[in-house]
Amino acid sequence: MSWMSYWLSCHQRPWNPSQFQSKKRKREEGKGPYVKKPPNAFMLFLKSERKTVQEELGIRNSAAINKVLSERVQNKRELFQAEAQIEADIHALNNPGWSNKANYGKKSKKSRTKAPPLPPPSC
């Protein structure tokens, strides 16, 4: 058997549509619905202040806006930390027993096989 025919026999597999399922469909079949994490203080601050900073600076670049907002958050940190704690408490009441592991659990490892050695070139 030549190396080319060996390679083709290993890499030409029948098409399997379940191999290309979206993560959302896999989650629906598996553990249950996806539940988002409660927002932290900085995320709540970004949500409330992003539009005003975009209008002030006239910038649409997300990275530049986040940099400006990260400098401004120091003044209002306590207010948004309290709001984030309220959000976390509401989230805990609505989703008892929820943990991050439900969403971001173990990833399956792909098994890797070594490629067969190439034959020496014939001149």
PDB file of N, CA and C in Angstrom:
ATOM      1  N   MET A   1       0.847  -1.172   0.000  1.00  0.00           N
ATOM      2  CA  MET A   1       0.000   0.000   0.000  1.00  0.00           C
ATOM      3  C   MET A   1       0.896   1.240   0.000  1.00  0.00           C
ATOM      4  N   SER A   2       0.637   2.148  -0.905  1.00  0.00           N
ATOM      5  CA  SER A   2       1.440   3.364  -0.968  1.00  0.00           C
ATOM      6  C   SER A   2       1.004   4.313   0.138  1.00  0.00           C
ATOM      7  N   TRP A   3       1.842   5.263   0.433  1.00  0.00           N
ATOM      8  CA  TRP A   3       1.522   6.200   1.510  1.00  0.00           C
ATOM      9  C   TRP A   3       0.325   7.063   1.157  1.00  0.00           C
ATOM     10  N   MET A   4       0.143   7.346  -0.146  1.00  0.00           N
ATOM     11  CA  MET A   4      -0.997   8.165  -0.568  1.00  0.00           C
ATOM     12  C   MET A   4      -2.312   7.413  -0.368  1.00  0.00           C
ATOM     13  N   SER A   5      -2.350   6.155  -0.730  1.00  0.00           N
ATOM     14  CA  SER A   5      -3.584   5.389  -0.537  1.00  0.00           C
ATOM     15  C   SER A   5      -3.863   5.189   0.952  1.00  0.00           C
ATOM     16  N   TYR A   6      -2.803   5.042   1.755  1.00  0.00           N
ATOM     17  CA  TYR A   6      -2.977   4.929   3.198  1.00  0.00           C
ATOM     18  C   TYR A   6      -3.557   6.220   3.764  1.00  0.00           C
ATOM     19  N   TRP A   7      -3.030   7.351   3.328  1.00  0.00           N
ATOM     20  CA  TRP A   7      -3.505   8.645   3.803  1.00  0.00           C
ATOM     21  C   TRP A   7      -4.966   8.857   3.422  1.00  0.00           C
ATOM     22  N   LEU A   8      -5.315   8.529   2.200  1.00  0.00           N
ATOM     23  CA  LEU A   8      -6.694   8.688   1.755  1.00  0.00           C
ATOM     24  C   LEU A   8      -7.644   7.786   2.537  1.00  0.00           C
ATOM     25  N   SER A   9      -7.214   6.573   2.832  1.00  0.00           N
ATOM     26  CA  SER A   9      -8.087   5.663   3.583  1.00  0.00           C
ATOM     27  C   SER A   9      -8.315   6.178   5.005  1.00  0.00           C
ATOM     28  N   CYS A  10      -7.334   6.871   5.565  1.00  0.00           N
ATOM     29  CA  CYS A  10      -7.477   7.407   6.914  1.00  0.00           C
ATOM     30  C   CYS A  10      -8.296   8.694   6.942  1.00  0.00           C
ATOM     31  N   HIS A  11      -8.228   9.492   5.892  1.00  0.00           N
ATOM     32  CA  HIS A  11      -8.830  10.816   5.919  1.00  0.00           C
ATOM     33  C   HIS A  11     -10.122  10.947   5.123  1.00  0.00           C
ATOM     34  N   GLN A  12     -10.500   9.954   4.386  1.00  0.00           N
ATOM     35  CA  GLN A  12     -11.768  10.016   3.675  1.00  0.00           C
ATOM     36  C   GLN A  12     -12.794   9.205   4.449  1.00  0.00           C
ATOM     37  N   ARG A  13     -13.506   9.910   5.313  1.00  0.00           N
ATOM     38  CA  ARG A  13     -14.526   9.264   6.113  1.00  0.00           C
ATOM     39  C   ARG A  13     -15.887   9.697   5.598  1.00  0.00           C
ATOM     40  N   PRO A  14     -16.919   8.885   5.811  1.00  0.00           N
ATOM     41  CA  PRO A  14     -18.250   9.312   5.383  1.00  0.00           C
ATOM     42  C   PRO A  14     -18.678  10.558   6.146  1.00  0.00           C
ATOM     43  N   TRP A  15     -19.478  11.385   5.516  1.00  0.00           N
ATOM     44  CA  TRP A  15     -19.935  12.630   6.124  1.00  0.00           C
ATOM     45  C   TRP A  15     -20.899  12.335   7.249  1.00  0.00           C
ATOM     46  N   ASN A  16     -20.666  12.942   8.383  1.00  0.00           N
ATOM     47  CA  ASN A  16     -21.487  12.735   9.562  1.00  0.00           C
ATOM     48  C   ASN A  16     -21.993  14.099  10.042  1.00  0.00           C
ATOM     49  N   PRO A  17     -23.299  14.432   9.817  1.00  0.00           N
ATOM     50  CA  PRO A  17     -23.774  15.766  10.195  1.00  0.00           C
ATOM     51  C   PRO A  17     -23.737  16.026  11.688  1.00  0.00           C
ATOM     52  N   SER A  18     -23.831  15.014  12.515  1.00  0.00           N
ATOM     53  CA  SER A  18     -23.803  15.235  13.963  1.00  0.00           C
ATOM     54  C   SER A  18     -22.424  15.709  14.422  1.00  0.00           C
ATOM     55  N   GLN A  19     -21.418  15.500  13.594  1.00  0.00           N
ATOM     56  CA  GLN A  19     -20.071  15.930  13.903  1.00  0.00           C
ATOM     57  C   GLN A  19     -19.977  17.458  13.903  1.00  0.00           C
ATOM     58  N   PHE A  20     -20.877  18.129  13.176  1.00  0.00           N
ATOM     59  CA  PHE A  20     -20.814  19.567  13.029  1.00  0.00           C
ATOM     60  C   PHE A  20     -21.971  20.268  13.730  1.00  0.00           C
ATOM     61  N   GLN A  21     -22.479  19.699  14.805  1.00  0.00           N
ATOM     62  CA  GLN A  21     -23.565  20.326  15.549  1.00  0.00           C
ATOM     63  C   GLN A  21     -23.060  21.585  16.243  1.00  0.00           C
ATOM     64  N   SER A  22     -23.938  22.529  16.394  1.00  0.00           N
ATOM     65  CA  SER A  22     -23.567  23.751  17.098  1.00  0.00           C
ATOM     66  C   SER A  22     -23.493  23.456  18.597  1.00  0.00           C
ATOM     67  N   LYS A  23     -22.782  24.329  19.302  1.00  0.00           N
ATOM     68  CA  LYS A  23     -22.652  24.158  20.749  1.00  0.00           C
ATOM     69  C   LYS A  23     -24.021  24.264  21.419  1.00  0.00           C
ATOM     70  N   LYS A  24     -24.871  25.142  20.880  1.00  0.00           N
ATOM     71  CA  LYS A  24     -26.188  25.326  21.472  1.00  0.00           C
ATOM     72  C   LYS A  24     -26.992  24.036  21.391  1.00  0.00           C
ATOM     73  N   ARG A  25     -26.955  23.375  20.241  1.00  0.00           N
ATOM     74  CA  ARG A  25     -27.712  22.130  20.078  1.00  0.00           C
ATOM     75  C   ARG A  25     -27.151  21.042  20.989  1.00  0.00           C
ATOM     76  N   LYS A  26     -25.838  20.973  21.110  1.00  0.00           N
ATOM     77  CA  LYS A  26     -25.245  19.978  21.993  1.00  0.00           C
ATOM     78  C   LYS A  26     -25.677  20.217  23.432  1.00  0.00           C
ATOM     79  N   ARG A  27     -25.762  21.494  23.845  1.00  0.00           N
ATOM     80  CA  ARG A  27     -26.169  21.815  25.205  1.00  0.00           C
ATOM     81  C   ARG A  27     -27.615  21.391  25.427  1.00  0.00           C
ATOM     82  N   GLU A  28     -28.488  21.624  24.431  1.00  0.00           N
ATOM     83  CA  GLU A  28     -29.888  21.250  24.581  1.00  0.00           C
ATOM     84  C   GLU A  28     -30.038  19.745  24.740  1.00  0.00           C
ATOM     85  N   GLU A  29     -29.218  18.986  24.038  1.00  0.00           N
ATOM     86  CA  GLU A  29     -29.287  17.533  24.151  1.00  0.00           C
ATOM     87  C   GLU A  29     -28.683  17.047  25.452  1.00  0.00           C
ATOM     88  N   GLY A  30     -27.718  17.806  25.970  1.00  0.00           N
ATOM     89  CA  GLY A  30     -26.969  17.347  27.131  1.00  0.00           C
ATOM     90  C   GLY A  30     -27.553  17.747  28.457  1.00  0.00           C
ATOM     91  N   LYS A  31     -26.993  18.760  29.072  1.00  0.00           N
ATOM     92  CA  LYS A  31     -27.229  19.038  30.471  1.00  0.00           C
ATOM     93  C   LYS A  31     -28.452  19.893  30.766  1.00  0.00           C
ATOM     94  N   GLY A  32     -28.838  20.751  29.888  1.00  0.00           N
ATOM     95  CA  GLY A  32     -29.953  21.638  30.171  1.00  0.00           C
ATOM     96  C   GLY A  32     -29.700  23.012  29.603  1.00  0.00           C
ATOM     97  N   PRO A  33     -30.531  23.986  29.957  1.00  0.00           N
ATOM     98  CA  PRO A  33     -30.405  25.314  29.360  1.00  0.00           C
ATOM     99  C   PRO A  33     -29.165  26.047  29.846  1.00  0.00           C
ATOM    100  N   TYR A  34     -28.682  26.938  28.999  1.00  0.00           N
ATOM    101  CA  TYR A  34     -27.528  27.761  29.323  1.00  0.00           C
ATOM    102  C   TYR A  34     -27.995  28.911  30.198  1.00  0.00           C
ATOM    103  N   VAL A  35     -27.349  29.114  31.326  1.00  0.00           N
ATOM    104  CA  VAL A  35     -27.676  30.217  32.222  1.00  0.00           C
ATOM    105  C   VAL A  35     -26.453  31.116  32.304  1.00  0.00           C
ATOM    106  N   LYS A  36     -26.650  32.397  31.970  1.00  0.00           N
ATOM    107  CA  LYS A  36     -25.545  33.344  32.006  1.00  0.00           C
ATOM    108  C   LYS A  36     -25.105  33.622  33.433  1.00  0.00           C
ATOM    109  N   LYS A  37     -23.840  34.009  33.570  1.00  0.00           N
ATOM    110  CA  LYS A  37     -23.338  34.445  34.868  1.00  0.00           C
ATOM    111  C   LYS A  37     -23.952  35.797  35.194  1.00  0.00           C
ATOM    112  N   PRO A  38     -24.103  36.116  36.462  1.00  0.00           N
ATOM    113  CA  PRO A  38     -24.570  37.465  36.807  1.00  0.00           C
ATOM    114  C   PRO A  38     -23.470  38.473  36.484  1.00  0.00           C
ATOM    115  N   PRO A  39     -23.840  39.675  36.047  1.00  0.00           N
ATOM    116  CA  PRO A  39     -22.817  40.657  35.667  1.00  0.00           C
ATOM    117  C   PRO A  39     -22.064  41.173  36.883  1.00  0.00           C
ATOM    118  N   ASN A  40     -20.772  41.436  36.693  1.00  0.00           N
ATOM    119  CA  ASN A  40     -19.987  42.024  37.774  1.00  0.00           C
ATOM    120  C   ASN A  40     -20.111  43.545  37.717  1.00  0.00           C
ATOM    121  N   ALA A  41     -19.465  44.232  38.648  1.00  0.00           N
ATOM    122  CA  ALA A  41     -19.612  45.682  38.772  1.00  0.00           C
ATOM    123  C   ALA A  41     -19.124  46.405  37.513  1.00  0.00           C
ATOM    124  N   PHE A  42     -18.022  45.968  36.954  1.00  0.00           N
ATOM    125  CA  PHE A  42     -17.487  46.643  35.767  1.00  0.00           C
ATOM    126  C   PHE A  42     -18.417  46.461  34.569  1.00  0.00           C
ATOM    127  N   MET A  43     -19.020  45.286  34.420  1.00  0.00           N
ATOM    128  CA  MET A  43     -19.944  45.065  33.307  1.00  0.00           C
ATOM    129  C   MET A  43     -21.179  45.953  33.439  1.00  0.00           C
ATOM    130  N   LEU A  44     -21.678  46.116  34.643  1.00  0.00           N
ATOM    131  CA  LEU A  44     -22.824  47.008  34.863  1.00  0.00           C
ATOM    132  C   LEU A  44     -22.444  48.458  34.562  1.00  0.00           C
ATOM    133  N   PHE A  45     -21.220  48.846  34.954  1.00  0.00           N
ATOM    134  CA  PHE A  45     -20.743  50.192  34.658  1.00  0.00           C
ATOM    135  C   PHE A  45     -20.621  50.404  33.153  1.00  0.00           C
ATOM    136  N   LEU A  46     -20.058  49.426  32.447  1.00  0.00           N
ATOM    137  CA  LEU A  46     -19.938  49.536  30.985  1.00  0.00           C
ATOM    138  C   LEU A  46     -21.303  49.699  30.340  1.00  0.00           C
ATOM    139  N   LYS A  47     -22.253  48.913  30.799  1.00  0.00           N
ATOM    140  CA  LYS A  47     -23.597  48.949  30.221  1.00  0.00           C
ATOM    141  C   LYS A  47     -24.241  50.325  30.389  1.00  0.00           C
ATOM    142  N   SER A  48     -24.025  50.934  31.542  1.00  0.00           N
ATOM    143  CA  SER A  48     -24.677  52.213  31.799  1.00  0.00           C
ATOM    144  C   SER A  48     -23.948  53.401  31.161  1.00  0.00           C
ATOM    145  N   GLU A  49     -22.636  53.336  31.014  1.00  0.00           N
ATOM    146  CA  GLU A  49     -21.853  54.501  30.587  1.00  0.00           C
ATOM    147  C   GLU A  49     -21.337  54.442  29.150  1.00  0.00           C
ATOM    148  N   ARG A  50     -21.438  53.313  28.470  1.00  0.00           N
ATOM    149  CA  ARG A  50     -20.830  53.175  27.142  1.00  0.00           C
ATOM    150  C   ARG A  50     -21.374  54.195  26.141  1.00  0.00           C
ATOM    151  N   LYS A  51     -22.675  54.364  26.088  1.00  0.00           N
ATOM    152  CA  LYS A  51     -23.262  55.274  25.091  1.00  0.00           C
ATOM    153  C   LYS A  51     -22.841  56.719  25.331  1.00  0.00           C
ATOM    154  N   THR A  52     -22.771  57.134  26.595  1.00  0.00           N
ATOM    155  CA  THR A  52     -22.386  58.520  26.867  1.00  0.00           C
ATOM    156  C   THR A  52     -20.945  58.776  26.444  1.00  0.00           C
ATOM    157  N   VAL A  53     -20.060  57.823  26.679  1.00  0.00           N
ATOM    158  CA  VAL A  53     -18.658  57.986  26.289  1.00  0.00           C
ATOM    159  C   VAL A  53     -18.524  57.981  24.763  1.00  0.00           C
ATOM    160  N   GLN A  54     -19.302  57.135  24.092  1.00  0.00           N
ATOM    161  CA  GLN A  54     -19.268  57.133  22.626  1.00  0.00           C
ATOM    162  C   GLN A  54     -19.686  58.488  22.071  1.00  0.00           C
ATOM    163  N   GLU A  55     -20.723  59.090  22.662  1.00  0.00           N
ATOM    164  CA  GLU A  55     -21.188  60.388  22.194  1.00  0.00           C
ATOM    165  C   GLU A  55     -20.199  61.495  22.530  1.00  0.00           C
ATOM    166  N   GLU A  56     -19.581  61.437  23.720  1.00  0.00           N
ATOM    167  CA  GLU A  56     -18.608  62.458  24.129  1.00  0.00           C
ATOM    168  C   GLU A  56     -17.389  62.465  23.224  1.00  0.00           C
ATOM    169  N   LEU A  57     -16.817  61.292  23.015  1.00  0.00           N
ATOM    170  CA  LEU A  57     -15.566  61.202  22.277  1.00  0.00           C
ATOM    171  C   LEU A  57     -15.761  61.020  20.771  1.00  0.00           C
ATOM    172  N   GLY A  58     -16.920  60.576  20.373  1.00  0.00           N
ATOM    173  CA  GLY A  58     -17.161  60.332  18.952  1.00  0.00           C
ATOM    174  C   GLY A  58     -16.389  59.135  18.437  1.00  0.00           C
ATOM    175  N   ILE A  59     -16.118  58.176  19.311  1.00  0.00           N
ATOM    176  CA  ILE A  59     -15.342  56.982  18.958  1.00  0.00           C
ATOM    177  C   ILE A  59     -16.271  55.781  18.962  1.00  0.00           C
ATOM    178  N   ARG A  60     -16.104  54.900  17.981  1.00  0.00           N
ATOM    179  CA  ARG A  60     -16.871  53.665  17.945  1.00  0.00           C
ATOM    180  C   ARG A  60     -16.002  52.458  18.317  1.00  0.00           C
ATOM    181  N   ASN A  61     -14.717  52.678  18.469  1.00  0.00           N
ATOM    182  CA  ASN A  61     -13.783  51.600  18.778  1.00  0.00           C
ATOM    183  C   ASN A  61     -13.995  51.116  20.216  1.00  0.00           C
ATOM    184  N   SER A  62     -14.352  49.854  20.360  1.00  0.00           N
ATOM    185  CA  SER A  62     -14.674  49.296  21.666  1.00  0.00           C
ATOM    186  C   SER A  62     -13.478  49.308  22.615  1.00  0.00           C
ATOM    187  N   ALA A  63     -12.293  49.028  22.106  1.00  0.00           N
ATOM    188  CA  ALA A  63     -11.108  48.974  22.971  1.00  0.00           C
ATOM    189  C   ALA A  63     -10.796  50.345  23.558  1.00  0.00           C
ATOM    190  N   ALA A  64     -10.908  51.392  22.758  1.00  0.00           N
ATOM    191  CA  ALA A  64     -10.627  52.740  23.246  1.00  0.00           C
ATOM    192  C   ALA A  64     -11.671  53.161  24.280  1.00  0.00           C
ATOM    193  N   ILE A  65     -12.913  52.817  24.036  1.00  0.00           N
ATOM    194  CA  ILE A  65     -13.983  53.161  24.975  1.00  0.00           C
ATOM    195  C   ILE A  65     -13.785  52.420  26.293  1.00  0.00           C
ATOM    196  N   ASN A  66     -13.438  51.142  26.232  1.00  0.00           N
ATOM    197  CA  ASN A  66     -13.201  50.366  27.455  1.00  0.00           C
ATOM    198  C   ASN A  66     -12.035  50.944  28.256  1.00  0.00           C
ATOM    199  N   LYS A  67     -11.018  51.448  27.570  1.00  0.00           N
ATOM    200  CA  LYS A  67      -9.873  52.028  28.265  1.00  0.00           C
ATOM    201  C   LYS A  67     -10.289  53.287  29.025  1.00  0.00           C
ATOM    202  N   VAL A  68     -11.073  54.147  28.374  1.00  0.00           N
ATOM    203  CA  VAL A  68     -11.553  55.363  29.028  1.00  0.00           C
ATOM    204  C   VAL A  68     -12.450  55.008  30.213  1.00  0.00           C
ATOM    205  N   LEU A  69     -13.341  54.041  30.000  1.00  0.00           N
ATOM    206  CA  LEU A  69     -14.257  53.648  31.070  1.00  0.00           C
ATOM    207  C   LEU A  69     -13.536  52.997  32.241  1.00  0.00           C
ATOM    208  N   SER A  70     -12.470  52.260  31.971  1.00  0.00           N
ATOM    209  CA  SER A  70     -11.725  51.627  33.069  1.00  0.00           C
ATOM    210  C   SER A  70     -11.057  52.673  33.948  1.00  0.00           C
ATOM    211  N   GLU A  71     -10.708  53.832  33.367  1.00  0.00           N
ATOM    212  CA  GLU A  71     -10.149  54.911  34.178  1.00  0.00           C
ATOM    213  C   GLU A  71     -11.235  55.616  34.987  1.00  0.00           C
ATOM    214  N   ARG A  72     -12.442  55.698  34.439  1.00  0.00           N
ATOM    215  CA  ARG A  72     -13.542  56.390  35.116  1.00  0.00           C
ATOM    216  C   ARG A  72     -14.232  55.549  36.191  1.00  0.00           C
ATOM    217  N   VAL A  73     -14.102  54.248  36.131  1.00  0.00           N
ATOM    218  CA  VAL A  73     -14.845  53.379  37.046  1.00  0.00           C
ATOM    219  C   VAL A  73     -14.398  53.540  38.494  1.00  0.00           C
ATOM    220  N   GLN A  74     -13.195  54.015  38.730  1.00  0.00           N
ATOM    221  CA  GLN A  74     -12.670  54.130  40.095  1.00  0.00           C
ATOM    222  C   GLN A  74     -13.559  55.002  40.972  1.00  0.00           C
ATOM    223  N   ASN A  75     -14.160  56.043  40.388  1.00  0.00           N
ATOM    224  CA  ASN A  75     -14.967  56.973  41.176  1.00  0.00           C
ATOM    225  C   ASN A  75     -16.306  56.384  41.607  1.00  0.00           C
ATOM    226  N   LYS A  76     -16.852  55.473  40.814  1.00  0.00           N
ATOM    227  CA  LYS A  76     -18.191  54.956  41.077  1.00  0.00           C
ATOM    228  C   LYS A  76     -18.201  53.469  41.446  1.00  0.00           C
ATOM    229  N   ARG A  77     -17.073  52.963  41.875  1.00  0.00           N
ATOM    230  CA  ARG A  77     -16.932  51.528  42.110  1.00  0.00           C
ATOM    231  C   ARG A  77     -17.907  50.995  43.169  1.00  0.00           C
ATOM    232  N   GLU A  78     -18.055  51.679  44.291  1.00  0.00           N
ATOM    233  CA  GLU A  78     -18.895  51.174  45.379  1.00  0.00           C
ATOM    234  C   GLU A  78     -20.356  51.053  44.959  1.00  0.00           C
ATOM    235  N   LEU A  79     -20.838  52.042  44.211  1.00  0.00           N
ATOM    236  CA  LEU A  79     -22.222  52.026  43.759  1.00  0.00           C
ATOM    237  C   LEU A  79     -22.493  50.803  42.883  1.00  0.00           C
ATOM    238  N   PHE A  80     -21.591  50.535  41.946  1.00  0.00           N
ATOM    239  CA  PHE A  80     -21.806  49.421  41.029  1.00  0.00           C
ATOM    240  C   PHE A  80     -21.505  48.071  41.677  1.00  0.00           C
ATOM    241  N   GLN A  81     -20.649  48.051  42.695  1.00  0.00           N
ATOM    242  CA  GLN A  81     -20.435  46.799  43.417  1.00  0.00           C
ATOM    243  C   GLN A  81     -21.687  46.409  44.186  1.00  0.00           C
ATOM    244  N   ALA A  82     -22.363  47.380  44.751  1.00  0.00           N
ATOM    245  CA  ALA A  82     -23.611  47.097  45.461  1.00  0.00           C
ATOM    246  C   ALA A  82     -24.666  46.590  44.478  1.00  0.00           C
ATOM    247  N   GLU A  83     -24.737  47.225  43.307  1.00  0.00           N
ATOM    248  CA  GLU A  83     -25.693  46.794  42.290  1.00  0.00           C
ATOM    249  C   GLU A  83     -25.374  45.386  41.782  1.00  0.00           C
ATOM    250  N   ALA A  84     -24.077  45.079  41.628  1.00  0.00           N
ATOM    251  CA  ALA A  84     -23.667  43.743  41.188  1.00  0.00           C
ATOM    252  C   ALA A  84     -24.022  42.690  42.230  1.00  0.00           C
ATOM    253  N   GLN A  85     -23.907  43.040  43.509  1.00  0.00           N
ATOM    254  CA  GLN A  85     -24.275  42.099  44.572  1.00  0.00           C
ATOM    255  C   GLN A  85     -25.768  41.822  44.545  1.00  0.00           C
ATOM    256  N   ILE A  86     -26.572  42.849  44.277  1.00  0.00           N
ATOM    257  CA  ILE A  86     -28.018  42.659  44.161  1.00  0.00           C
ATOM    258  C   ILE A  86     -28.336  41.742  42.990  1.00  0.00           C
ATOM    259  N   GLU A  87     -27.665  41.978  41.855  1.00  0.00           N
ATOM    260  CA  GLU A  87     -27.863  41.122  40.677  1.00  0.00           C
ATOM    261  C   GLU A  87     -27.476  39.676  40.971  1.00  0.00           C
ATOM    262  N   ALA A  88     -26.374  39.480  41.700  1.00  0.00           N
ATOM    263  CA  ALA A  88     -25.927  38.130  42.039  1.00  0.00           C
ATOM    264  C   ALA A  88     -26.931  37.437  42.960  1.00  0.00           C
ATOM    265  N   ASP A  89     -27.505  38.190  43.885  1.00  0.00           N
ATOM    266  CA  ASP A  89     -28.506  37.615  44.789  1.00  0.00           C
ATOM    267  C   ASP A  89     -29.777  37.217  44.037  1.00  0.00           C
ATOM    268  N   ILE A  90     -30.210  38.067  43.120  1.00  0.00           N
ATOM    269  CA  ILE A  90     -31.384  37.750  42.303  1.00  0.00           C
ATOM    270  C   ILE A  90     -31.112  36.514  41.451  1.00  0.00           C
ATOM    271  N   HIS A  91     -29.910  36.454  40.901  1.00  0.00           N
ATOM    272  CA  HIS A  91     -29.517  35.303  40.078  1.00  0.00           C
ATOM    273  C   HIS A  91     -29.532  34.027  40.910  1.00  0.00           C
ATOM    274  N   ALA A  92     -29.055  34.106  42.146  1.00  0.00           N
ATOM    275  CA  ALA A  92     -29.033  32.930  43.033  1.00  0.00           C
ATOM    276  C   ALA A  92     -30.445  32.468  43.383  1.00  0.00           C
ATOM    277  N   LEU A  93     -31.371  33.415  43.535  1.00  0.00           N
ATOM    278  CA  LEU A  93     -32.756  33.050  43.829  1.00  0.00           C
ATOM    279  C   LEU A  93     -33.443  32.406  42.620  1.00  0.00           C
ATOM    280  N   ASN A  94     -33.163  32.945  41.444  1.00  0.00           N
ATOM    281  CA  ASN A  94     -33.787  32.427  40.220  1.00  0.00           C
ATOM    282  C   ASN A  94     -33.189  31.097  39.765  1.00  0.00           C
ATOM    283  N   ASN A  95     -31.935  30.858  40.122  1.00  0.00           N
ATOM    284  CA  ASN A  95     -31.236  29.650  39.673  1.00  0.00           C
ATOM    285  C   ASN A  95     -30.562  28.967  40.855  1.00  0.00           C
ATOM    286  N   PRO A  96     -31.328  28.330  41.730  1.00  0.00           N
ATOM    287  CA  PRO A  96     -30.702  27.693  42.898  1.00  0.00           C
ATOM    288  C   PRO A  96     -29.806  26.525  42.470  1.00  0.00           C
ATOM    289  N   GLY A  97     -28.669  26.443  43.100  1.00  0.00           N
ATOM    290  CA  GLY A  97     -27.745  25.350  42.804  1.00  0.00           C
ATOM    291  C   GLY A  97     -26.931  25.553  41.535  1.00  0.00           C
ATOM    292  N   TRP A  98     -27.022  26.713  40.900  1.00  0.00           N
ATOM    293  CA  TRP A  98     -26.277  26.977  39.663  1.00  0.00           C
ATOM    294  C   TRP A  98     -24.814  27.206  39.979  1.00  0.00           C
ATOM    295  N   SER A  99     -23.955  26.732  39.120  1.00  0.00           N
ATOM    296  CA  SER A  99     -22.531  27.019  39.252  1.00  0.00           C
ATOM    297  C   SER A  99     -21.955  27.238  37.862  1.00  0.00           C
ATOM    298  N   ASN A 100     -20.794  27.850  37.820  1.00  0.00           N
ATOM    299  CA  ASN A 100     -20.117  28.089  36.548  1.00  0.00           C
ATOM    300  C   ASN A 100     -19.789  26.792  35.830  1.00  0.00           C
ATOM    301  N   LYS A 101     -19.587  25.747  36.569  1.00  0.00           N
ATOM    302  CA  LYS A 101     -19.194  24.473  35.972  1.00  0.00           C
ATOM    303  C   LYS A 101     -20.263  23.930  35.038  1.00  0.00           C
ATOM    304  N   ALA A 102     -21.515  24.331  35.254  1.00  0.00           N
ATOM    305  CA  ALA A 102     -22.591  23.877  34.374  1.00  0.00           C
ATOM    306  C   ALA A 102     -22.394  24.415  32.960  1.00  0.00           C
ATOM    307  N   ASN A 103     -21.896  25.642  32.851  1.00  0.00           N
ATOM    308  CA  ASN A 103     -21.673  26.241  31.539  1.00  0.00           C
ATOM    309  C   ASN A 103     -20.288  25.965  30.988  1.00  0.00           C
ATOM    310  N   TYR A 104     -19.313  25.973  31.854  1.00  0.00           N
ATOM    311  CA  TYR A 104     -17.927  25.887  31.407  1.00  0.00           C
ATOM    312  C   TYR A 104     -17.261  24.650  31.985  1.00  0.00           C
ATOM    313  N   GLY A 105     -17.889  23.527  31.806  1.00  0.00           N
ATOM    314  CA  GLY A 105     -17.386  22.285  32.388  1.00  0.00           C
ATOM    315  C   GLY A 105     -16.189  21.739  31.634  1.00  0.00           C
ATOM    316  N   LYS A 106     -16.017  20.463  31.745  1.00  0.00           N
ATOM    317  CA  LYS A 106     -14.882  19.801  31.121  1.00  0.00           C
ATOM    318  C   LYS A 106     -15.015  19.830  29.608  1.00  0.00           C
ATOM    319  N   LYS A 107     -13.897  20.049  28.967  1.00  0.00           N
ATOM    320  CA  LYS A 107     -13.861  19.980  27.515  1.00  0.00           C
ATOM    321  C   LYS A 107     -13.324  18.617  27.133  1.00  0.00           C
ATOM    322  N   SER A 108     -13.886  18.069  26.083  1.00  0.00           N
ATOM    323  CA  SER A 108     -13.410  16.760  25.659  1.00  0.00           C
ATOM    324  C   SER A 108     -12.095  16.917  24.919  1.00  0.00           C
ATOM    325  N   LYS A 109     -11.179  16.052  25.229  1.00  0.00           N
ATOM    326  CA  LYS A 109      -9.879  16.097  24.563  1.00  0.00           C
ATOM    327  C   LYS A 109      -9.959  15.299  23.271  1.00  0.00           C
ATOM    328  N   LYS A 110      -9.360  15.846  22.251  1.00  0.00           N
ATOM    329  CA  LYS A 110      -9.324  15.149  20.977  1.00  0.00           C
ATOM    330  C   LYS A 110      -8.109  14.229  20.970  1.00  0.00           C
ATOM    331  N   SER A 111      -8.313  13.018  20.513  1.00  0.00           N
ATOM    332  CA  SER A 111      -7.189  12.102  20.450  1.00  0.00           C
ATOM    333  C   SER A 111      -6.409  12.386  19.173  1.00  0.00           C
ATOM    334  N   ARG A 112      -5.128  12.407  19.310  1.00  0.00           N
ATOM    335  CA  ARG A 112      -4.268  12.679  18.163  1.00  0.00           C
ATOM    336  C   ARG A 112      -3.504  11.418  17.811  1.00  0.00           C
ATOM    337  N   THR A 113      -3.406  11.168  16.550  1.00  0.00           N
ATOM    338  CA  THR A 113      -2.634  10.018  16.086  1.00  0.00           C
ATOM    339  C   THR A 113      -1.456  10.527  15.289  1.00  0.00           C
ATOM    340  N   LYS A 114      -0.388   9.788  15.348  1.00  0.00           N
ATOM    341  CA  LYS A 114       0.789  10.163  14.597  1.00  0.00           C
ATOM    342  C   LYS A 114       0.606   9.814  13.125  1.00  0.00           C
ATOM    343  N   ALA A 115       1.061  10.696  12.281  1.00  0.00           N
ATOM    344  CA  ALA A 115       1.001  10.444  10.849  1.00  0.00           C
ATOM    345  C   ALA A 115       2.056   9.391  10.502  1.00  0.00           C
ATOM    346  N   PRO A 116       1.780   8.558   9.521  1.00  0.00           N
ATOM    347  CA  PRO A 116       2.775   7.559   9.128  1.00  0.00           C
ATOM    348  C   PRO A 116       3.985   8.250   8.508  1.00  0.00           C
ATOM    349  N   PRO A 117       5.174   7.666   8.682  1.00  0.00           N
ATOM    350  CA  PRO A 117       6.372   8.299   8.115  1.00  0.00           C
ATOM    351  C   PRO A 117       6.302   8.259   6.578  1.00  0.00           C
ATOM    352  N   LEU A 118       6.796   9.314   5.974  1.00  0.00           N
ATOM    353  CA  LEU A 118       6.814   9.397   4.516  1.00  0.00           C
ATOM    354  C   LEU A 118       7.926   8.507   3.971  1.00  0.00           C
ATOM    355  N   PRO A 119       7.677   7.867   2.835  1.00  0.00           N
ATOM    356  CA  PRO A 119       8.740   7.049   2.234  1.00  0.00           C
ATOM    357  C   PRO A 119       9.855   7.943   1.710  1.00  0.00           C
ATOM    358  N   PRO A 120      11.052   7.439   1.619  1.00  0.00           N
ATOM    359  CA  PRO A 120      12.166   8.251   1.112  1.00  0.00           C
ATOM    360  C   PRO A 120      11.920   8.590  -0.357  1.00  0.00           C
ATOM    361  N   PRO A 121      12.304   9.782  -0.758  1.00  0.00           N
ATOM    362  CA  PRO A 121      12.090  10.160  -2.161  1.00  0.00           C
ATOM    363  C   PRO A 121      12.922   9.314  -3.104  1.00  0.00           C
ATOM    364  N   SER A 122      12.309   8.925  -4.180  1.00  0.00           N
ATOM    365  CA  SER A 122      13.051   8.145  -5.180  1.00  0.00           C
ATOM    366  C   SER A 122      13.447   9.066  -6.331  1.00  0.00           C
ATOM    367  N   CYS A 123      14.696   9.060  -6.638  1.00  0.00           N
ATOM    368  CA  CYS A 123      15.189   9.952  -7.696  1.00  0.00           C
ATOM    369  C   CYS A 123      15.414   9.215  -8.984  1.00  0.00           C
TER     370      CYS A 123
END
